[in-house]
Amino acid sequence: MEKKKIEITVENSVKALDIREGKLPDLHIPGKIEIYDHVISSAYEFLRKEGIEPCFIKDSYIRYSIEERYINLFYNTRNINPDTVTGVLKLHPDLKKFEINQGKSYTTHSLADFIRMNRHYFESKDVALKLVSELQNFKAKVDKEIESSDDKRANVKMFMVQKVVSNIPTEFVLLLPLFIGSEKTPIKVEIDINAQDISCTLISPALKELIDTESKAIIDQQLKQIEELYPQLKMFQA
């Protein structure tokens, strides 16, 4: 390789200059940040911390879904390693374990045991104890009603079951948080008893609407906070 003469002028009281030969070190490219399945406020919390460069906001965007309850942030997407933050509005484990509207089938005895172990979620402990007692004795009462009847036809048996069901407080109120991080809210729940096999399921016509309404309110609030931080940040609904 042909050698070239380079002239260097040293100024500002610099008395010595070291010149080194060899390869330059590889260019350092910072690793990307990936945060998945954290709380719904994750994108907002990420954006409000130190280290966010406003100049990169134009190359960033939000994708969200109210139905699927998530807010995803893609930050500095023109970078080789863009950052990704996924916030999810997760149903609370306490709510999920009741399996309301999920078709979970119980025997009267197993439902009585479940209620007894979870009576602290009931708005009224007296209602919980009455439910436990009635469900535990349910089959015996039905059998006794059928025994005392001269008519053993199936429709009569169903009538006897319905007669015993009428003694059970089939509607009650649970105090449960809907989502992780949310406060407890009253939820009206019903016991649906199948007269044919005397199985029980927990249903709540209001719960689905309550989850949908609260999901929209929480996600809208998060998006509003993000927009107040960076009005120029693009947002897309999935």
Protein backbone atom coordinates (compact mmCIF):
# COMPACT_ATOMS: atom_id res chain seq x y z
CA MET A 1 0.00 0.00 0.00
CA GLU A 2 1.34 3.41 -0.96
CA LYS A 3 2.23 5.54 2.02
CA LYS A 4 0.77 9.04 2.16
CA LYS A 5 2.09 11.99 4.06
CA ILE A 6 -0.41 13.42 6.56
CA GLU A 7 0.12 16.75 8.26
CA ILE A 8 -1.44 17.21 11.71
CA THR A 9 -1.52 20.51 13.52
CA VAL A 10 -1.58 20.35 17.32
CA GLU A 11 -3.29 23.24 19.07
CA ASN A 12 -4.65 24.33 22.44
CA SER A 13 -1.45 23.59 24.41
CA VAL A 14 -1.34 19.91 23.37
CA LYS A 15 2.31 18.87 23.63
CA ALA A 16 2.16 15.23 22.56
CA LEU A 17 0.17 13.15 20.11
CA ASP A 18 0.12 9.35 20.13
CA ILE A 19 -0.59 7.65 16.81
CA ARG A 20 -1.58 3.98 16.84
CA GLU A 21 -1.79 1.61 13.92
CA GLY A 22 -4.15 -1.35 13.51
CA LYS A 23 -7.83 -2.19 13.11
CA LEU A 24 -10.55 -0.09 14.65
CA PRO A 25 -12.74 -1.90 17.18
CA ASP A 26 -16.12 -3.08 15.89
CA LEU A 27 -18.89 -0.52 16.02
CA HIS A 28 -20.97 -1.08 19.18
CA ILE A 29 -24.68 -1.51 18.49
CA PRO A 30 -26.79 -1.36 21.68
CA GLY A 31 -29.00 -4.39 22.27
CA LYS A 32 -32.75 -4.05 21.96
CA ILE A 33 -35.13 -3.96 24.90
CA GLU A 34 -37.99 -6.46 24.79
CA ILE A 35 -40.68 -6.40 27.49
CA TYR A 36 -43.55 -8.83 26.97
CA ASP A 37 -46.83 -9.55 28.80
CA HIS A 38 -46.38 -6.98 31.54
CA VAL A 39 -49.12 -4.79 33.01
CA ILE A 40 -51.18 -2.58 30.71
CA SER A 41 -49.34 0.58 31.85
CA SER A 42 -45.95 -0.75 30.64
CA ALA A 43 -45.82 1.37 27.45
CA TYR A 44 -46.64 4.56 29.36
CA GLU A 45 -44.12 3.80 32.10
CA PHE A 46 -41.42 3.06 29.50
CA LEU A 47 -42.01 6.35 27.68
CA ARG A 48 -41.97 8.53 30.78
CA LYS A 49 -38.58 7.28 32.06
CA GLU A 50 -35.16 8.78 31.34
CA GLY A 51 -33.40 7.61 28.19
CA ILE A 52 -36.24 8.23 25.74
CA GLU A 53 -35.06 10.43 22.87
CA PRO A 54 -37.85 12.69 21.54
CA CYS A 55 -36.21 12.63 18.10
CA PHE A 56 -36.95 8.88 17.86
CA ILE A 57 -40.67 9.27 18.61
CA LYS A 58 -41.37 9.96 14.91
CA ASP A 59 -40.00 6.47 14.19
CA SER A 60 -42.12 4.86 16.91
CA TYR A 61 -45.75 3.80 17.12
CA ILE A 62 -48.42 2.24 19.33
CA ARG A 63 -50.63 -0.68 18.33
CA TYR A 64 -53.54 -1.51 20.64
CA SER A 65 -56.67 -3.65 20.88
CA ILE A 66 -59.57 -3.11 23.25
CA GLU A 67 -61.05 -6.54 22.44
CA GLU A 68 -57.79 -8.39 23.14
CA ARG A 69 -56.84 -5.94 25.91
CA TYR A 70 -53.26 -4.96 24.98
CA ILE A 71 -51.10 -1.91 24.21
CA ASN A 72 -47.88 -2.54 22.26
CA LEU A 73 -45.14 0.08 21.88
CA PHE A 74 -42.56 -0.16 19.08
CA TYR A 75 -39.85 2.40 19.82
CA ASN A 76 -37.25 3.67 17.32
CA THR A 77 -38.20 1.17 14.61
CA ARG A 78 -35.61 2.47 12.12
CA ASN A 79 -32.88 1.34 14.47
CA ILE A 80 -31.24 -2.06 13.87
CA ASN A 81 -32.48 -3.15 17.30
CA PRO A 82 -35.81 -1.39 18.01
CA ASP A 83 -37.37 -1.69 21.46
CA THR A 84 -40.68 -3.50 22.00
CA VAL A 85 -42.92 -3.15 25.04
CA THR A 86 -46.13 -5.17 25.37
CA GLY A 87 -48.66 -4.32 28.07
CA VAL A 88 -51.59 -6.65 28.68
CA LEU A 89 -54.74 -6.17 30.75
CA LYS A 90 -54.93 -9.58 32.41
CA LEU A 91 -57.94 -10.97 34.23
CA HIS A 92 -57.24 -11.37 37.93
CA PRO A 93 -56.46 -14.95 39.10
CA ASP A 94 -59.12 -14.64 41.82
CA LEU A 95 -61.77 -13.98 39.16
CA LYS A 96 -60.46 -16.68 36.83
CA LYS A 97 -60.59 -19.43 39.45
CA PHE A 98 -64.38 -19.06 39.75
CA GLU A 99 -64.66 -19.94 36.01
CA ILE A 100 -67.83 -17.87 35.66
CA ASN A 101 -69.46 -18.19 32.20
CA GLN A 102 -66.83 -20.82 31.28
CA GLY A 103 -69.16 -23.85 31.38
CA LYS A 104 -67.36 -25.35 34.38
CA SER A 105 -69.61 -28.11 35.76
CA TYR A 106 -69.84 -28.97 39.47
CA THR A 107 -71.74 -31.52 41.46
CA THR A 108 -73.73 -29.92 44.24
CA HIS A 109 -71.22 -31.28 46.78
CA SER A 110 -68.13 -30.05 44.91
CA LEU A 111 -69.68 -26.59 44.47
CA ALA A 112 -70.52 -26.50 48.19
CA ASP A 113 -66.87 -27.32 49.00
CA PHE A 114 -65.62 -24.66 46.58
CA ILE A 115 -67.89 -21.99 48.07
CA ARG A 116 -66.91 -22.92 51.62
CA MET A 117 -63.20 -22.51 50.79
CA ASN A 118 -63.82 -19.18 49.03
CA ARG A 119 -66.54 -17.65 51.21
CA HIS A 120 -64.27 -14.65 51.93
CA TYR A 121 -65.06 -13.39 48.41
CA PHE A 122 -68.78 -13.18 49.16
CA GLU A 123 -70.37 -9.83 49.89
CA SER A 124 -72.53 -11.67 52.45
CA LYS A 125 -70.94 -14.50 54.45
CA ASP A 126 -74.45 -15.56 55.58
CA VAL A 127 -75.46 -16.19 51.96
CA ALA A 128 -72.28 -18.21 51.42
CA LEU A 129 -72.99 -20.42 54.45
CA LYS A 130 -76.63 -20.90 53.39
CA LEU A 131 -75.48 -21.92 49.91
CA VAL A 132 -73.04 -24.44 51.36
CA SER A 133 -75.73 -25.98 53.55
CA GLU A 134 -78.39 -26.14 50.82
CA LEU A 135 -76.02 -27.55 48.19
CA GLN A 136 -74.69 -30.23 50.54
CA ASN A 137 -78.23 -31.43 51.29
CA PHE A 138 -79.59 -30.89 47.79
CA LYS A 139 -79.48 -34.46 46.46
CA ALA A 140 -80.89 -35.91 49.67
CA LYS A 141 -83.83 -33.49 49.54
CA VAL A 142 -84.52 -34.32 45.89
CA ASP A 143 -84.42 -38.06 46.59
CA LYS A 144 -86.82 -37.59 49.50
CA GLU A 145 -89.26 -35.59 47.35
CA ILE A 146 -89.18 -38.25 44.62
CA GLU A 147 -89.60 -41.06 47.15
CA SER A 148 -92.69 -39.46 48.61
CA SER A 149 -94.24 -39.14 45.16
CA ASP A 150 -96.29 -41.96 43.62
CA ASP A 151 -95.47 -40.72 40.12
CA LYS A 152 -91.90 -41.69 39.06
CA ARG A 153 -92.02 -40.24 35.55
CA ALA A 154 -89.09 -38.11 34.36
CA ASN A 155 -91.11 -34.91 34.14
CA VAL A 156 -92.21 -35.37 37.74
CA LYS A 157 -88.59 -35.90 38.83
CA MET A 158 -87.67 -32.65 37.07
CA PHE A 159 -90.49 -30.89 38.90
CA MET A 160 -89.17 -32.20 42.22
CA VAL A 161 -85.67 -30.92 41.40
CA GLN A 162 -87.05 -27.50 40.54
CA LYS A 163 -89.03 -27.48 43.79
CA VAL A 164 -85.84 -28.03 45.81
CA VAL A 165 -83.92 -25.50 43.69
CA SER A 166 -86.41 -22.83 44.72
CA ASN A 167 -85.05 -23.03 48.28
CA ILE A 168 -81.49 -22.16 47.19
CA PRO A 169 -80.34 -18.51 46.95
CA THR A 170 -79.27 -18.95 43.34
CA GLU A 171 -78.16 -15.31 42.98
CA PHE A 172 -75.40 -13.79 45.10
CA VAL A 173 -72.74 -11.08 44.96
CA LEU A 174 -68.99 -11.69 44.86
CA LEU A 175 -66.40 -9.01 45.58
CA LEU A 176 -63.60 -9.67 43.09
CA PRO A 177 -61.00 -7.63 41.17
CA LEU A 178 -61.58 -7.85 37.43
CA PHE A 179 -57.95 -7.31 36.42
CA ILE A 180 -54.50 -7.59 37.95
CA GLY A 181 -53.87 -4.35 39.79
CA SER A 182 -57.53 -3.32 39.97
CA GLU A 183 -59.73 -2.90 43.04
CA LYS A 184 -62.48 -5.34 44.01
CA THR A 185 -65.86 -4.78 42.39
CA PRO A 186 -69.28 -6.35 43.12
CA ILE A 187 -70.25 -9.04 40.60
CA LYS A 188 -73.73 -10.57 40.51
CA VAL A 189 -73.47 -14.34 39.98
CA GLU A 190 -76.12 -17.03 39.53
CA ILE A 191 -76.06 -20.80 40.05
CA ASP A 192 -77.58 -22.63 37.09
CA ILE A 193 -78.71 -26.12 38.14
CA ASN A 194 -79.37 -28.71 35.45
CA ALA A 195 -82.54 -30.55 36.49
CA GLN A 196 -81.60 -33.66 34.50
CA ASP A 197 -78.25 -34.50 36.12
CA ILE A 198 -78.29 -32.02 39.04
CA SER A 199 -75.01 -30.44 37.89
CA CYS A 200 -74.23 -26.78 38.61
CA THR A 201 -72.52 -24.00 36.67
CA LEU A 202 -71.75 -20.39 37.64
CA ILE A 203 -73.06 -17.74 35.26
CA SER A 204 -73.15 -13.94 35.25
CA PRO A 205 -74.91 -12.11 32.40
CA ALA A 206 -73.42 -8.82 33.64
CA LEU A 207 -69.78 -9.97 33.89
CA LYS A 208 -68.95 -9.93 30.17
CA GLU A 209 -70.35 -6.42 29.77
CA LEU A 210 -68.50 -5.29 32.91
CA ILE A 211 -65.17 -6.63 31.61
CA ASP A 212 -65.69 -5.00 28.19
CA THR A 213 -66.67 -1.64 29.70
CA GLU A 214 -63.80 -1.54 32.18
CA SER A 215 -61.27 -2.73 29.57
CA LYS A 216 -62.18 0.15 27.25
CA ALA A 217 -62.04 2.70 30.07
CA ILE A 218 -58.61 1.54 31.28
CA ILE A 219 -57.06 1.32 27.79
CA ASP A 220 -58.51 4.70 26.77
CA GLN A 221 -57.00 6.25 29.90
CA GLN A 222 -53.57 4.75 29.12
CA LEU A 223 -53.68 6.02 25.53
CA LYS A 224 -54.67 9.48 26.75
CA GLN A 225 -51.68 9.57 29.13
CA ILE A 226 -49.32 8.47 26.35
CA GLU A 227 -50.73 11.11 23.98
CA GLU A 228 -50.18 13.80 26.62
CA LEU A 229 -46.50 12.75 26.83
CA TYR A 230 -45.92 12.57 23.08
CA PRO A 231 -48.78 13.97 20.95
CA GLN A 232 -46.83 13.14 17.77
CA LEU A 233 -46.60 9.41 18.58
CA LYS A 234 -48.61 7.42 16.03
CA MET A 235 -51.34 5.09 17.35
CA PHE A 236 -53.10 2.29 15.47
CA GLN A 237 -56.03 0.15 16.57
CA ALA A 238 -55.59 -3.51 15.65
